[in-house]
């Protein structure tokens, strides 16, 4: 019986070591539905406010979750990669004033020429947006994205479509505003 328990414990540890931990973002982040393909990278679109008022600035984020051992690329085209491409579609009169991508890390190849800059863990792209002076009752923000996810020499191309609906009238922070 002791041998079976030891084998079970080792197998359980091996399974857990391959799983992505939920410690990168607060638990509420994981309740927001993730989209995208391939399954090695999922994304969520979240705002720091659930309700906005006219003339207000707010943040919109695309939060990417990568499975351990996989990596993806930033917005810049490399020599052999497809960039992560995000197209935000704002309602008329809304203005995007800032787009912020995190710093990439250098993934070393067999030679210096094969080194490339990548994201190899969860990351977020944050946009700062200003609402116009007149707002509809409900604001719909859309985003389409495409990306390439790799592990060693194997890569897959994927993407996702995202929609975020914000209320208007009063300024109200979302439950997840702290992760911005």
Protein backbone atom coordinates (compact mmCIF):
# COMPACT_ATOMS: atom_id res chain seq x y z
CA UNK A 1 0.00 0.00 0.00
CA UNK A 2 2.87 2.37 0.77
CA UNK A 3 4.34 1.92 -2.74
CA UNK A 4 1.01 2.72 -4.39
CA UNK A 5 0.68 5.89 -2.31
CA UNK A 6 4.24 6.94 -3.27
CA UNK A 7 3.54 6.39 -6.97
CA UNK A 8 0.30 8.32 -6.62
CA UNK A 9 2.09 11.19 -4.82
CA UNK A 10 4.81 11.39 -7.50
CA UNK A 11 2.24 11.33 -10.32
CA UNK A 12 0.19 14.01 -8.56
CA UNK A 13 3.27 16.25 -8.17
CA UNK A 14 4.20 15.78 -11.84
CA UNK A 15 0.71 16.73 -12.93
CA UNK A 16 0.72 19.81 -10.72
CA UNK A 17 4.15 20.94 -11.92
CA UNK A 18 2.80 21.16 -15.48
CA UNK A 19 -0.16 23.30 -14.48
CA UNK A 20 -0.14 27.08 -14.58
CA UNK A 21 -0.62 28.62 -11.16
CA UNK A 22 -3.30 31.21 -10.55
CA UNK A 23 -1.00 33.53 -8.67
CA UNK A 24 -0.24 36.00 -11.48
CA UNK A 25 -3.54 37.89 -11.28
CA UNK A 26 -6.21 38.13 -8.56
CA UNK A 27 -8.78 35.36 -8.47
CA UNK A 28 -11.54 37.61 -9.88
CA UNK A 29 -9.55 37.92 -13.11
CA UNK A 30 -9.98 34.21 -13.75
CA UNK A 31 -13.78 34.52 -13.47
CA UNK A 32 -13.83 36.71 -16.61
CA UNK A 33 -14.33 34.50 -19.65
CA UNK A 34 -11.15 33.88 -21.63
CA UNK A 35 -11.15 33.66 -25.39
CA UNK A 36 -8.78 32.69 -28.13
CA UNK A 37 -7.00 29.85 -29.76
CA UNK A 38 -4.79 27.87 -29.61
CA UNK A 39 -5.46 26.68 -26.06
CA UNK A 40 -1.87 27.46 -24.98
CA UNK A 41 -2.70 31.19 -24.83
CA UNK A 42 -5.98 32.73 -23.73
CA UNK A 43 -6.91 36.39 -23.38
CA UNK A 44 -9.42 38.47 -21.49
CA UNK A 45 -10.50 42.07 -22.11
CA UNK A 46 -11.20 44.01 -18.92
CA UNK A 47 -11.74 47.67 -18.01
CA UNK A 48 -10.79 49.39 -14.78
CA UNK A 49 -14.33 50.85 -14.73
CA UNK A 50 -17.68 49.13 -15.17
CA UNK A 51 -19.41 52.46 -15.70
CA UNK A 52 -17.99 55.70 -17.08
CA UNK A 53 -19.10 59.30 -17.44
CA UNK A 54 -18.59 61.85 -20.20
CA UNK A 55 -15.04 63.17 -20.59
CA UNK A 56 -13.57 60.58 -18.24
CA UNK A 57 -10.39 58.65 -18.94
CA UNK A 58 -10.35 54.95 -18.19
CA UNK A 59 -8.13 51.96 -18.82
CA UNK A 60 -8.83 48.98 -20.99
CA UNK A 61 -6.61 45.92 -20.77
CA UNK A 62 -6.05 42.74 -22.69
CA UNK A 63 -4.67 40.19 -20.26
CA UNK A 64 -2.93 37.18 -21.77
CA UNK A 65 -2.38 33.89 -19.98
CA UNK A 66 0.26 31.56 -21.43
CA UNK A 67 0.65 27.90 -20.53
CA UNK A 68 3.99 27.15 -18.96
CA UNK A 69 6.70 26.35 -21.51
CA UNK A 70 5.09 28.41 -24.28
CA UNK A 71 5.99 31.87 -25.53
CA UNK A 72 4.58 34.50 -27.88
CA UNK A 73 5.77 37.65 -29.55
CA UNK A 74 5.15 41.36 -29.05
CA UNK A 75 3.64 43.85 -31.48
CA UNK A 76 6.78 44.15 -33.63
CA UNK A 77 7.39 41.83 -36.58
CA UNK A 78 10.53 39.75 -36.15
CA UNK A 79 12.53 37.88 -38.73
CA UNK A 80 10.64 34.57 -38.40
CA UNK A 81 7.63 35.37 -36.24
CA UNK A 82 4.17 36.79 -36.55
CA UNK A 83 3.57 39.68 -34.15
CA UNK A 84 0.75 39.85 -31.64
CA UNK A 85 -1.71 42.13 -33.41
CA UNK A 86 -4.55 43.82 -31.51
CA UNK A 87 -7.17 46.01 -33.18
CA UNK A 88 -9.33 47.99 -30.75
CA UNK A 89 -12.62 49.31 -32.17
CA UNK A 90 -13.87 52.18 -30.04
CA UNK A 91 -17.23 53.92 -30.43
CA UNK A 92 -17.21 57.22 -32.32
CA UNK A 93 -15.63 60.18 -30.54
CA UNK A 94 -13.67 57.99 -28.08
CA UNK A 95 -9.94 58.68 -28.13
CA UNK A 96 -7.11 56.31 -27.32
CA UNK A 97 -4.31 58.35 -25.75
CA UNK A 98 -1.88 55.63 -24.69
CA UNK A 99 -0.98 52.04 -25.53
CA UNK A 100 1.38 50.26 -23.14
CA UNK A 101 3.03 46.88 -23.80
CA UNK A 102 5.33 45.28 -21.20
CA UNK A 103 9.02 44.79 -21.93
CA UNK A 104 9.90 41.64 -23.82
CA UNK A 105 12.51 39.18 -22.57
CA UNK A 106 15.34 37.78 -24.67
CA UNK A 107 14.96 34.09 -25.50
CA UNK A 108 18.39 32.78 -26.34
CA UNK A 109 18.73 30.58 -29.39
CA UNK A 110 21.57 28.26 -30.38
CA UNK A 111 23.43 31.27 -31.79
CA UNK A 112 23.23 35.01 -31.11
CA UNK A 113 21.44 35.47 -34.44
CA UNK A 114 18.73 33.04 -33.31
CA UNK A 115 17.95 34.98 -30.12
CA UNK A 116 14.58 36.72 -30.11
CA UNK A 117 12.44 38.86 -27.84
CA UNK A 118 9.31 37.19 -26.48
CA UNK A 119 6.76 36.97 -23.68
CA UNK A 120 7.12 33.66 -21.85
CA UNK A 121 4.61 34.24 -19.05
CA UNK A 122 1.32 36.05 -18.46
CA UNK A 123 1.34 39.65 -19.69
CA UNK A 124 -1.04 42.56 -20.23
CA UNK A 125 -1.46 45.32 -22.80
CA UNK A 126 -3.06 48.44 -21.35
CA UNK A 127 -4.82 51.21 -23.26
CA UNK A 128 -5.83 54.58 -21.81
CA UNK A 129 -8.99 55.94 -23.40
CA UNK A 130 -10.94 59.18 -23.03
CA UNK A 131 -14.72 59.19 -23.37
CA UNK A 132 -16.37 61.98 -25.39
CA UNK A 133 -18.51 64.72 -23.85
CA UNK A 134 -21.75 62.97 -24.89
CA UNK A 135 -22.33 59.27 -24.21
CA UNK A 136 -24.94 56.69 -25.12
CA UNK A 137 -26.50 54.64 -22.30
CA UNK A 138 -24.22 51.72 -23.00
CA UNK A 139 -20.74 51.62 -24.53
CA UNK A 140 -19.53 48.65 -26.56
CA UNK A 141 -15.81 48.22 -27.18
CA UNK A 142 -14.62 45.52 -29.56
CA UNK A 143 -11.21 44.02 -30.15
CA UNK A 144 -9.87 41.46 -32.56
CA UNK A 145 -6.48 39.91 -32.01
CA UNK A 146 -4.13 37.49 -33.68
CA UNK A 147 -0.97 35.88 -32.33
CA UNK A 148 1.54 33.11 -32.68
CA UNK A 149 2.25 30.78 -29.76
CA UNK A 150 5.38 28.62 -29.75
CA UNK A 151 7.14 25.94 -27.76
CA UNK A 152 10.61 25.00 -28.96
CA UNK A 153 10.32 24.67 -32.76
CA UNK A 154 6.55 24.09 -32.84
CA UNK A 155 4.32 27.16 -33.38
CA UNK A 156 0.59 27.66 -33.81
CA UNK A 157 -1.26 30.71 -35.09
CA UNK A 158 -4.37 31.83 -33.28
CA UNK A 159 -6.47 34.75 -32.17
CA UNK A 160 -9.70 35.87 -30.62
CA UNK A 161 -12.61 38.31 -30.72
CA UNK A 162 -13.48 40.33 -27.61
CA UNK A 163 -16.38 42.52 -26.54
CA UNK A 164 -16.69 44.74 -23.49
CA UNK A 165 -19.85 46.63 -22.50
CA UNK A 166 -19.62 49.56 -20.10
CA UNK A 167 -22.45 51.44 -18.44
CA UNK A 168 -22.60 55.24 -18.42
CA UNK A 169 -23.80 58.00 -16.15
CA UNK A 170 -21.80 57.51 -12.98
CA UNK A 171 -18.14 56.69 -12.68
CA UNK A 172 -17.81 53.25 -11.10
CA UNK A 173 -14.63 51.22 -10.77
CA UNK A 174 -14.78 47.58 -11.78
CA UNK A 175 -14.10 44.77 -9.31
CA UNK A 176 -10.72 44.20 -11.00
CA UNK A 177 -9.45 47.80 -11.17
CA UNK A 178 -6.46 46.98 -8.94
CA UNK A 179 -4.81 44.75 -11.55
CA UNK A 180 -4.27 47.77 -13.78
